[in-house]
């Protein structure tokens, strides 16, 4: 199992409370920013001088990316349901 999937699995149950605390849109934007920042770190990891540093920085970056993806995947359906509620006639 990868660091991405493990962190996504570990973070997903807590995102609901996080949405309530900071709001849907803020959580969504934070997930996007976390993903973007982790991709920059992952790209910069290739410039490390040692294989061990590369391994740990890569694992950290992929874990951050999984956390950001969990935020995005949980917030998206919540935002869609809030934007387009059922029409009851």
PDB file of N, CA and C in Angstrom:
ATOM      1  N   UNK A   1       0.849  -1.179   0.000  1.00  0.00           N
ATOM      2  CA  UNK A   1       0.000   0.000   0.000  1.00  0.00           C
ATOM      3  C   UNK A   1       0.892   1.240   0.000  1.00  0.00           C
ATOM      4  N   UNK A   2       0.449   2.250  -0.662  1.00  0.00           N
ATOM      5  CA  UNK A   2       1.289   3.435  -0.809  1.00  0.00           C
ATOM      6  C   UNK A   2       1.037   4.450   0.296  1.00  0.00           C
ATOM      7  N   UNK A   3       1.965   5.389   0.428  1.00  0.00           N
ATOM      8  CA  UNK A   3       1.827   6.460   1.427  1.00  0.00           C
ATOM      9  C   UNK A   3       0.617   7.324   1.116  1.00  0.00           C
ATOM     10  N   UNK A   4       0.327   7.521  -0.170  1.00  0.00           N
ATOM     11  CA  UNK A   4      -0.824   8.309  -0.587  1.00  0.00           C
ATOM     12  C   UNK A   4      -2.116   7.685  -0.071  1.00  0.00           C
ATOM     13  N   UNK A   5      -2.300   6.398  -0.326  1.00  0.00           N
ATOM     14  CA  UNK A   5      -3.526   5.715   0.059  1.00  0.00           C
ATOM     15  C   UNK A   5      -3.665   5.594   1.573  1.00  0.00           C
ATOM     16  N   UNK A   6      -2.568   5.345   2.253  1.00  0.00           N
ATOM     17  CA  UNK A   6      -2.617   5.223   3.717  1.00  0.00           C
ATOM     18  C   UNK A   6      -3.013   6.540   4.357  1.00  0.00           C
ATOM     19  N   UNK A   7      -2.432   7.632   3.912  1.00  0.00           N
ATOM     20  CA  UNK A   7      -2.778   8.923   4.509  1.00  0.00           C
ATOM     21  C   UNK A   7      -4.193   9.340   4.132  1.00  0.00           C
ATOM     22  N   UNK A   8      -4.622   9.026   2.923  1.00  0.00           N
ATOM     23  CA  UNK A   8      -5.998   9.341   2.521  1.00  0.00           C
ATOM     24  C   UNK A   8      -6.988   8.563   3.388  1.00  0.00           C
ATOM     25  N   UNK A   9      -6.698   7.301   3.636  1.00  0.00           N
ATOM     26  CA  UNK A   9      -7.547   6.470   4.473  1.00  0.00           C
ATOM     27  C   UNK A   9      -7.561   6.962   5.918  1.00  0.00           C
ATOM     28  N   UNK A  10      -6.418   7.395   6.413  1.00  0.00           N
ATOM     29  CA  UNK A  10      -6.328   7.843   7.804  1.00  0.00           C
ATOM     30  C   UNK A  10      -6.983   9.205   8.030  1.00  0.00           C
ATOM     31  N   UNK A  11      -6.925  10.076   7.058  1.00  0.00           N
ATOM     32  CA  UNK A  11      -7.437  11.444   7.201  1.00  0.00           C
ATOM     33  C   UNK A  11      -8.938  11.534   6.926  1.00  0.00           C
ATOM     34  N   UNK A  12      -9.460  10.697   6.053  1.00  0.00           N
ATOM     35  CA  UNK A  12     -10.856  10.806   5.610  1.00  0.00           C
ATOM     36  C   UNK A  12     -11.887  10.862   6.742  1.00  0.00           C
ATOM     37  N   UNK A  13     -11.788  10.053   7.789  1.00  0.00           N
ATOM     38  CA  UNK A  13     -12.808  10.130   8.833  1.00  0.00           C
ATOM     39  C   UNK A  13     -12.826  11.460   9.594  1.00  0.00           C
ATOM     40  N   UNK A  14     -11.729  12.162   9.604  1.00  0.00           N
ATOM     41  CA  UNK A  14     -11.641  13.401  10.364  1.00  0.00           C
ATOM     42  C   UNK A  14     -11.993  14.644   9.548  1.00  0.00           C
ATOM     43  N   UNK A  15     -12.111  14.485   8.252  1.00  0.00           N
ATOM     44  CA  UNK A  15     -12.372  15.639   7.389  1.00  0.00           C
ATOM     45  C   UNK A  15     -13.766  16.217   7.644  1.00  0.00           C
ATOM     46  N   UNK A  16     -14.726  15.382   7.988  1.00  0.00           N
ATOM     47  CA  UNK A  16     -16.068  15.870   8.266  1.00  0.00           C
ATOM     48  C   UNK A  16     -16.103  16.883   9.396  1.00  0.00           C
ATOM     49  N   UNK A  17     -15.397  16.600  10.474  1.00  0.00           N
ATOM     50  CA  UNK A  17     -15.315  17.560  11.580  1.00  0.00           C
ATOM     51  C   UNK A  17     -14.540  18.808  11.160  1.00  0.00           C
ATOM     52  N   UNK A  18     -13.551  18.605  10.312  1.00  0.00           N
ATOM     53  CA  UNK A  18     -12.747  19.729   9.829  1.00  0.00           C
ATOM     54  C   UNK A  18     -13.593  20.647   8.945  1.00  0.00           C
ATOM     55  N   UNK A  19     -14.489  20.045   8.148  1.00  0.00           N
ATOM     56  CA  UNK A  19     -15.394  20.842   7.314  1.00  0.00           C
ATOM     57  C   UNK A  19     -16.282  21.709   8.189  1.00  0.00           C
ATOM     58  N   UNK A  20     -16.805  21.125   9.273  1.00  0.00           N
ATOM     59  CA  UNK A  20     -17.658  21.882  10.181  1.00  0.00           C
ATOM     60  C   UNK A  20     -16.899  23.022  10.845  1.00  0.00           C
ATOM     61  N   UNK A  21     -15.632  22.814  11.097  1.00  0.00           N
ATOM     62  CA  UNK A  21     -14.842  23.827  11.809  1.00  0.00           C
ATOM     63  C   UNK A  21     -14.452  25.000  10.907  1.00  0.00           C
ATOM     64  N   UNK A  22     -14.021  24.720   9.674  1.00  0.00           N
ATOM     65  CA  UNK A  22     -13.513  25.819   8.840  1.00  0.00           C
ATOM     66  C   UNK A  22     -14.379  26.146   7.635  1.00  0.00           C
ATOM     67  N   UNK A  23     -15.361  25.309   7.318  1.00  0.00           N
ATOM     68  CA  UNK A  23     -16.236  25.563   6.184  1.00  0.00           C
ATOM     69  C   UNK A  23     -15.879  24.708   4.979  1.00  0.00           C
ATOM     70  N   UNK A  24     -16.887  24.504   4.116  1.00  0.00           N
ATOM     71  CA  UNK A  24     -16.707  23.632   2.947  1.00  0.00           C
ATOM     72  C   UNK A  24     -15.703  24.188   1.958  1.00  0.00           C
ATOM     73  N   UNK A  25     -15.888  25.436   1.584  1.00  0.00           N
ATOM     74  CA  UNK A  25     -15.011  26.018   0.561  1.00  0.00           C
ATOM     75  C   UNK A  25     -13.580  26.155   1.063  1.00  0.00           C
ATOM     76  N   UNK A  26     -13.425  26.536   2.326  1.00  0.00           N
ATOM     77  CA  UNK A  26     -12.073  26.661   2.885  1.00  0.00           C
ATOM     78  C   UNK A  26     -11.372  25.314   2.941  1.00  0.00           C
ATOM     79  N   UNK A  27     -12.107  24.276   3.283  1.00  0.00           N
ATOM     80  CA  UNK A  27     -11.522  22.930   3.324  1.00  0.00           C
ATOM     81  C   UNK A  27     -11.130  22.478   1.918  1.00  0.00           C
ATOM     82  N   UNK A  28     -11.978  22.774   0.937  1.00  0.00           N
ATOM     83  CA  UNK A  28     -11.693  22.412  -0.448  1.00  0.00           C
ATOM     84  C   UNK A  28     -10.441  23.128  -0.949  1.00  0.00           C
ATOM     85  N   UNK A  29     -10.370  24.430  -0.698  1.00  0.00           N
ATOM     86  CA  UNK A  29      -9.201  25.214  -1.128  1.00  0.00           C
ATOM     87  C   UNK A  29      -7.944  24.744  -0.406  1.00  0.00           C
ATOM     88  N   UNK A  30      -8.056  24.431   0.878  1.00  0.00           N
ATOM     89  CA  UNK A  30      -6.905  23.919   1.631  1.00  0.00           C
ATOM     90  C   UNK A  30      -6.426  22.595   1.050  1.00  0.00           C
ATOM     91  N   UNK A  31      -7.348  21.735   0.631  1.00  0.00           N
ATOM     92  CA  UNK A  31      -6.972  20.473  -0.007  1.00  0.00           C
ATOM     93  C   UNK A  31      -6.230  20.693  -1.312  1.00  0.00           C
ATOM     94  N   UNK A  32      -6.694  21.656  -2.101  1.00  0.00           N
ATOM     95  CA  UNK A  32      -6.015  21.960  -3.367  1.00  0.00           C
ATOM     96  C   UNK A  32      -4.621  22.520  -3.108  1.00  0.00           C
ATOM     97  N   UNK A  33      -4.519  23.436  -2.153  1.00  0.00           N
ATOM     98  CA  UNK A  33      -3.209  24.010  -1.828  1.00  0.00           C
ATOM     99  C   UNK A  33      -2.255  22.961  -1.274  1.00  0.00           C
ATOM    100  N   UNK A  34      -2.777  22.067  -0.448  1.00  0.00           N
ATOM    101  CA  UNK A  34      -1.947  20.989   0.102  1.00  0.00           C
ATOM    102  C   UNK A  34      -1.454  20.077  -1.005  1.00  0.00           C
ATOM    103  N   UNK A  35      -2.312  19.773  -1.949  1.00  0.00           N
ATOM    104  CA  UNK A  35      -1.899  18.966  -3.103  1.00  0.00           C
ATOM    105  C   UNK A  35      -0.834  19.677  -3.929  1.00  0.00           C
ATOM    106  N   UNK A  36      -1.041  20.951  -4.198  1.00  0.00           N
ATOM    107  CA  UNK A  36      -0.072  21.707  -5.001  1.00  0.00           C
ATOM    108  C   UNK A  36       1.283  21.785  -4.297  1.00  0.00           C
ATOM    109  N   UNK A  37       1.265  22.101  -3.008  1.00  0.00           N
ATOM    110  CA  UNK A  37       2.507  22.207  -2.247  1.00  0.00           C
ATOM    111  C   UNK A  37       3.230  20.860  -2.178  1.00  0.00           C
ATOM    112  N   UNK A  38       2.470  19.780  -2.001  1.00  0.00           N
ATOM    113  CA  UNK A  38       3.111  18.462  -1.923  1.00  0.00           C
ATOM    114  C   UNK A  38       3.711  18.058  -3.265  1.00  0.00           C
ATOM    115  N   UNK A  39       3.089  18.456  -4.362  1.00  0.00           N
ATOM    116  CA  UNK A  39       3.664  18.148  -5.676  1.00  0.00           C
ATOM    117  C   UNK A  39       4.954  18.915  -5.916  1.00  0.00           C
ATOM    118  N   UNK A  40       5.027  20.144  -5.427  1.00  0.00           N
ATOM    119  CA  UNK A  40       6.273  20.911  -5.538  1.00  0.00           C
ATOM    120  C   UNK A  40       7.369  20.242  -4.708  1.00  0.00           C
ATOM    121  N   UNK A  41       7.034  19.825  -3.502  1.00  0.00           N
ATOM    122  CA  UNK A  41       8.021  19.140  -2.653  1.00  0.00           C
ATOM    123  C   UNK A  41       8.470  17.835  -3.305  1.00  0.00           C
ATOM    124  N   UNK A  42       7.517  17.096  -3.865  1.00  0.00           N
ATOM    125  CA  UNK A  42       7.864  15.832  -4.511  1.00  0.00           C
ATOM    126  C   UNK A  42       8.780  16.057  -5.713  1.00  0.00           C
ATOM    127  N   UNK A  43       8.522  17.108  -6.461  1.00  0.00           N
ATOM    128  CA  UNK A  43       9.392  17.427  -7.594  1.00  0.00           C
ATOM    129  C   UNK A  43      10.772  17.873  -7.158  1.00  0.00           C
ATOM    130  N   UNK A  44      10.839  18.624  -6.052  1.00  0.00           N
ATOM    131  CA  UNK A  44      12.125  19.098  -5.550  1.00  0.00           C
ATOM    132  C   UNK A  44      12.930  17.979  -4.899  1.00  0.00           C
ATOM    133  N   UNK A  45      12.266  16.903  -4.511  1.00  0.00           N
ATOM    134  CA  UNK A  45      12.967  15.792  -3.861  1.00  0.00           C
ATOM    135  C   UNK A  45      13.992  15.152  -4.782  1.00  0.00           C
ATOM    136  N   UNK A  46      13.797  15.246  -6.076  1.00  0.00           N
ATOM    137  CA  UNK A  46      14.732  14.627  -7.010  1.00  0.00           C
ATOM    138  C   UNK A  46      16.101  15.303  -7.003  1.00  0.00           C
ATOM    139  N   UNK A  47      16.158  16.508  -6.447  1.00  0.00           N
ATOM    140  CA  UNK A  47      17.434  17.223  -6.366  1.00  0.00           C
ATOM    141  C   UNK A  47      18.206  16.922  -5.083  1.00  0.00           C
ATOM    142  N   UNK A  48      17.720  15.995  -4.269  1.00  0.00           N
ATOM    143  CA  UNK A  48      18.419  15.675  -3.026  1.00  0.00           C
ATOM    144  C   UNK A  48      19.706  14.912  -3.328  1.00  0.00           C
ATOM    145  N   UNK A  49      20.651  15.024  -2.414  1.00  0.00           N
ATOM    146  CA  UNK A  49      21.966  14.430  -2.640  1.00  0.00           C
ATOM    147  C   UNK A  49      22.023  12.957  -2.238  1.00  0.00           C
ATOM    148  N   UNK A  50      21.119  12.533  -1.397  1.00  0.00           N
ATOM    149  CA  UNK A  50      21.187  11.161  -0.916  1.00  0.00           C
ATOM    150  C   UNK A  50      19.880  10.427  -1.219  1.00  0.00           C
ATOM    151  N   UNK A  51      19.972   9.133  -1.416  1.00  0.00           N
ATOM    152  CA  UNK A  51      18.796   8.323  -1.703  1.00  0.00           C
ATOM    153  C   UNK A  51      17.871   8.236  -0.495  1.00  0.00           C
ATOM    154  N   UNK A  52      18.436   8.237   0.698  1.00  0.00           N
ATOM    155  CA  UNK A  52      17.636   8.168   1.919  1.00  0.00           C
ATOM    156  C   UNK A  52      16.794   9.423   2.087  1.00  0.00           C
ATOM    157  N   UNK A  53      17.394  10.574   1.858  1.00  0.00           N
ATOM    158  CA  UNK A  53      16.651  11.833   1.944  1.00  0.00           C
ATOM    159  C   UNK A  53      15.552  11.843   0.889  1.00  0.00           C
ATOM    160  N   UNK A  54      15.872  11.392  -0.307  1.00  0.00           N
ATOM    161  CA  UNK A  54      14.879  11.330  -1.378  1.00  0.00           C
ATOM    162  C   UNK A  54      13.699  10.453  -0.978  1.00  0.00           C
ATOM    163  N   UNK A  55      13.979   9.301  -0.380  1.00  0.00           N
ATOM    164  CA  UNK A  55      12.927   8.380   0.036  1.00  0.00           C
ATOM    165  C   UNK A  55      12.009   9.024   1.069  1.00  0.00           C
ATOM    166  N   UNK A  56      12.580   9.617   2.113  1.00  0.00           N
ATOM    167  CA  UNK A  56      11.764  10.196   3.177  1.00  0.00           C
ATOM    168  C   UNK A  56      10.997  11.436   2.720  1.00  0.00           C
ATOM    169  N   UNK A  57      11.617  12.264   1.920  1.00  0.00           N
ATOM    170  CA  UNK A  57      10.921  13.450   1.407  1.00  0.00           C
ATOM    171  C   UNK A  57       9.804  13.022   0.459  1.00  0.00           C
ATOM    172  N   UNK A  58      10.044  12.015  -0.359  1.00  0.00           N
ATOM    173  CA  UNK A  58       9.013  11.515  -1.267  1.00  0.00           C
ATOM    174  C   UNK A  58       7.833  10.933  -0.506  1.00  0.00           C
ATOM    175  N   UNK A  59       8.115  10.154   0.534  1.00  0.00           N
ATOM    176  CA  UNK A  59       7.035   9.585   1.352  1.00  0.00           C
ATOM    177  C   UNK A  59       6.235  10.682   2.049  1.00  0.00           C
ATOM    178  N   UNK A  60       6.924  11.696   2.554  1.00  0.00           N
ATOM    179  CA  UNK A  60       6.249  12.814   3.205  1.00  0.00           C
ATOM    180  C   UNK A  60       5.373  13.575   2.218  1.00  0.00           C
ATOM    181  N   UNK A  61       5.903  13.829   1.033  1.00  0.00           N
ATOM    182  CA  UNK A  61       5.151  14.573   0.023  1.00  0.00           C
ATOM    183  C   UNK A  61       3.929  13.782  -0.442  1.00  0.00           C
ATOM    184  N   UNK A  62       4.071  12.502  -0.663  1.00  0.00           N
ATOM    185  CA  UNK A  62       2.932  11.689  -1.084  1.00  0.00           C
ATOM    186  C   UNK A  62       1.889  11.577   0.033  1.00  0.00           C
ATOM    187  N   UNK A  63       2.332  11.551   1.286  1.00  0.00           N
ATOM    188  CA  UNK A  63       1.384  11.542   2.402  1.00  0.00           C
ATOM    189  C   UNK A  63       0.598  12.842   2.451  1.00  0.00           C
ATOM    190  N   UNK A  64       1.273  13.957   2.246  1.00  0.00           N
ATOM    191  CA  UNK A  64       0.585  15.246   2.204  1.00  0.00           C
ATOM    192  C   UNK A  64      -0.398  15.289   1.042  1.00  0.00           C
ATOM    193  N   UNK A  65      -0.026  14.741  -0.076  1.00  0.00           N
ATOM    194  CA  UNK A  65      -0.901  14.718  -1.235  1.00  0.00           C
ATOM    195  C   UNK A  65      -2.144  13.867  -0.959  1.00  0.00           C
ATOM    196  N   UNK A  66      -1.975  12.782  -0.255  1.00  0.00           N
ATOM    197  CA  UNK A  66      -3.123  11.948   0.123  1.00  0.00           C
ATOM    198  C   UNK A  66      -4.065  12.666   1.070  1.00  0.00           C
ATOM    199  N   UNK A  67      -3.506  13.431   1.999  1.00  0.00           N
ATOM    200  CA  UNK A  67      -4.340  14.209   2.919  1.00  0.00           C
ATOM    201  C   UNK A  67      -5.116  15.283   2.159  1.00  0.00           C
ATOM    202  N   UNK A  68      -4.458  15.943   1.238  1.00  0.00           N
ATOM    203  CA  UNK A  68      -5.139  16.954   0.431  1.00  0.00           C
ATOM    204  C   UNK A  68      -6.218  16.342  -0.445  1.00  0.00           C
ATOM    205  N   UNK A  69      -5.935  15.186  -1.001  1.00  0.00           N
ATOM    206  CA  UNK A  69      -6.919  14.512  -1.839  1.00  0.00           C
ATOM    207  C   UNK A  69      -8.121  14.061  -1.018  1.00  0.00           C
ATOM    208  N   UNK A  70      -7.898  13.624   0.215  1.00  0.00           N
ATOM    209  CA  UNK A  70      -9.011  13.248   1.090  1.00  0.00           C
ATOM    210  C   UNK A  70      -9.915  14.448   1.343  1.00  0.00           C
ATOM    211  N   UNK A  71      -9.321  15.616   1.554  1.00  0.00           N
ATOM    212  CA  UNK A  71     -10.118  16.821   1.765  1.00  0.00           C
ATOM    213  C   UNK A  71     -10.953  17.147   0.535  1.00  0.00           C
ATOM    214  N   UNK A  72     -10.344  17.045  -0.631  1.00  0.00           N
ATOM    215  CA  UNK A  72     -11.052  17.353  -1.874  1.00  0.00           C
ATOM    216  C   UNK A  72     -12.180  16.346  -2.116  1.00  0.00           C
ATOM    217  N   UNK A  73     -11.883  15.054  -1.933  1.00  0.00           N
ATOM    218  CA  UNK A  73     -12.875  14.026  -2.218  1.00  0.00           C
ATOM    219  C   UNK A  73     -14.046  14.040  -1.245  1.00  0.00           C
ATOM    220  N   UNK A  74     -13.830  14.486  -0.020  1.00  0.00           N
ATOM    221  CA  UNK A  74     -14.926  14.564   0.944  1.00  0.00           C
ATOM    222  C   UNK A  74     -15.710  15.861   0.750  1.00  0.00           C
ATOM    223  N   UNK A  75     -15.036  16.959   0.463  1.00  0.00           N
ATOM    224  CA  UNK A  75     -15.707  18.262   0.328  1.00  0.00           C
ATOM    225  C   UNK A  75     -16.512  18.387  -0.951  1.00  0.00           C
ATOM    226  N   UNK A  76     -16.092  17.755  -2.023  1.00  0.00           N
ATOM    227  CA  UNK A  76     -16.761  17.928  -3.312  1.00  0.00           C
ATOM    228  C   UNK A  76     -18.224  17.498  -3.286  1.00  0.00           C
ATOM    229  N   UNK A  77     -18.564  16.284  -2.834  1.00  0.00           N
ATOM    230  CA  UNK A  77     -19.983  15.927  -2.811  1.00  0.00           C
ATOM    231  C   UNK A  77     -20.795  16.782  -1.845  1.00  0.00           C
ATOM    232  N   UNK A  78     -20.188  17.185  -0.742  1.00  0.00           N
ATOM    233  CA  UNK A  78     -20.885  18.044   0.215  1.00  0.00           C
ATOM    234  C   UNK A  78     -21.223  19.382  -0.424  1.00  0.00           C
ATOM    235  N   UNK A  79     -20.285  19.943  -1.177  1.00  0.00           N
ATOM    236  CA  UNK A  79     -20.525  21.218  -1.848  1.00  0.00           C
ATOM    237  C   UNK A  79     -21.571  21.070  -2.959  1.00  0.00           C
ATOM    238  N   UNK A  80     -21.565  19.957  -3.677  1.00  0.00           N
ATOM    239  CA  UNK A  80     -22.539  19.740  -4.740  1.00  0.00           C
ATOM    240  C   UNK A  80     -23.948  19.620  -4.163  1.00  0.00           C
ATOM    241  N   UNK A  81     -24.093  18.873  -3.087  1.00  0.00           N
ATOM    242  CA  UNK A  81     -25.409  18.709  -2.462  1.00  0.00           C
ATOM    243  C   UNK A  81     -25.904  20.030  -1.893  1.00  0.00           C
ATOM    244  N   UNK A  82     -25.007  20.828  -1.327  1.00  0.00           N
ATOM    245  CA  UNK A  82     -25.412  22.123  -0.789  1.00  0.00           C
ATOM    246  C   UNK A  82     -25.800  23.103  -1.903  1.00  0.00           C
ATOM    247  N   UNK A  83     -25.161  22.993  -3.047  1.00  0.00           N
ATOM    248  CA  UNK A  83     -25.436  23.900  -4.155  1.00  0.00           C
ATOM    249  C   UNK A  83     -26.703  23.509  -4.916  1.00  0.00           C
ATOM    250  N   UNK A  84     -26.922  22.230  -5.117  1.00  0.00           N
ATOM    251  CA  UNK A  84     -28.058  21.737  -5.893  1.00  0.00           C
ATOM    252  C   UNK A  84     -28.934  20.825  -5.027  1.00  0.00           C
ATOM    253  N   UNK A  85     -29.739  21.378  -4.145  1.00  0.00           N
ATOM    254  CA  UNK A  85     -30.602  20.532  -3.311  1.00  0.00           C
ATOM    255  C   UNK A  85     -31.732  19.908  -4.147  1.00  0.00           C
ATOM    256  N   UNK A  86     -32.335  18.886  -3.586  1.00  0.00           N
ATOM    257  CA  UNK A  86     -33.459  18.242  -4.277  1.00  0.00           C
ATOM    258  C   UNK A  86     -34.620  19.211  -4.428  1.00  0.00           C
ATOM    259  N   UNK A  87     -35.261  19.139  -5.580  1.00  0.00           N
ATOM    260  CA  UNK A  87     -36.455  19.944  -5.810  1.00  0.00           C
ATOM    261  C   UNK A  87     -37.670  19.116  -5.450  1.00  0.00           C
ATOM    262  N   UNK A  88     -38.372  19.519  -4.409  1.00  0.00           N
ATOM    263  CA  UNK A  88     -39.570  18.801  -3.989  1.00  0.00           C
ATOM    264  C   UNK A  88     -40.788  19.625  -4.355  1.00  0.00           C
ATOM    265  N   UNK A  89     -41.633  19.040  -5.183  1.00  0.00           N
ATOM    266  CA  UNK A  89     -42.816  19.772  -5.618  1.00  0.00           C
ATOM    267  C   UNK A  89     -44.066  19.071  -5.220  1.00  0.00           C
TER     268      UNK A  89
END
